[in-house]
Amino acid sequence: MSTTDQGPPSPDWETIQQSAEFTQLRRRLRGFVFPMTIAFLAWYLLYVLLSDYAHDFMSTKVFGNVNIGLIFGLLQFVSTFLITWLYVRHANRSLDPVADKIREDIEGGDR
């Protein structure tokens, strides 16, 4: 087999990375991920600080043996699932169409 029969040439990744579509994809991803990460870390830090320094507040009984600390702890799980759902929705609406276009341009550009 000669060197010219090795299949299609590999894509020019540097050109793809500098394309308007890739820049848009990166901007949309960062526009979601960075603010959501900051919000989640702030929410988690609030929970940790309240647990450490506001014992009386966190031990306030809401009903039965359930206190505010337990509710805040469970809300950490709820917020994680909420962020996951929001990301999937964002990706389906804003990221996947651009990524699909980039992939189509790469795979079908020579056809």
Foldseek 3Di string as FASTA:
>chain_A
DDPVPPDDDADPVVVLCPDPLNVQLVCLVCVLPVVLVVVLVVLVVVLVCCVVPVVVQQCPDPDDRDGNNNVSVVVNVVSVVVSVVVVVVSCVVPNVVSVVVSVCCRVVVVD
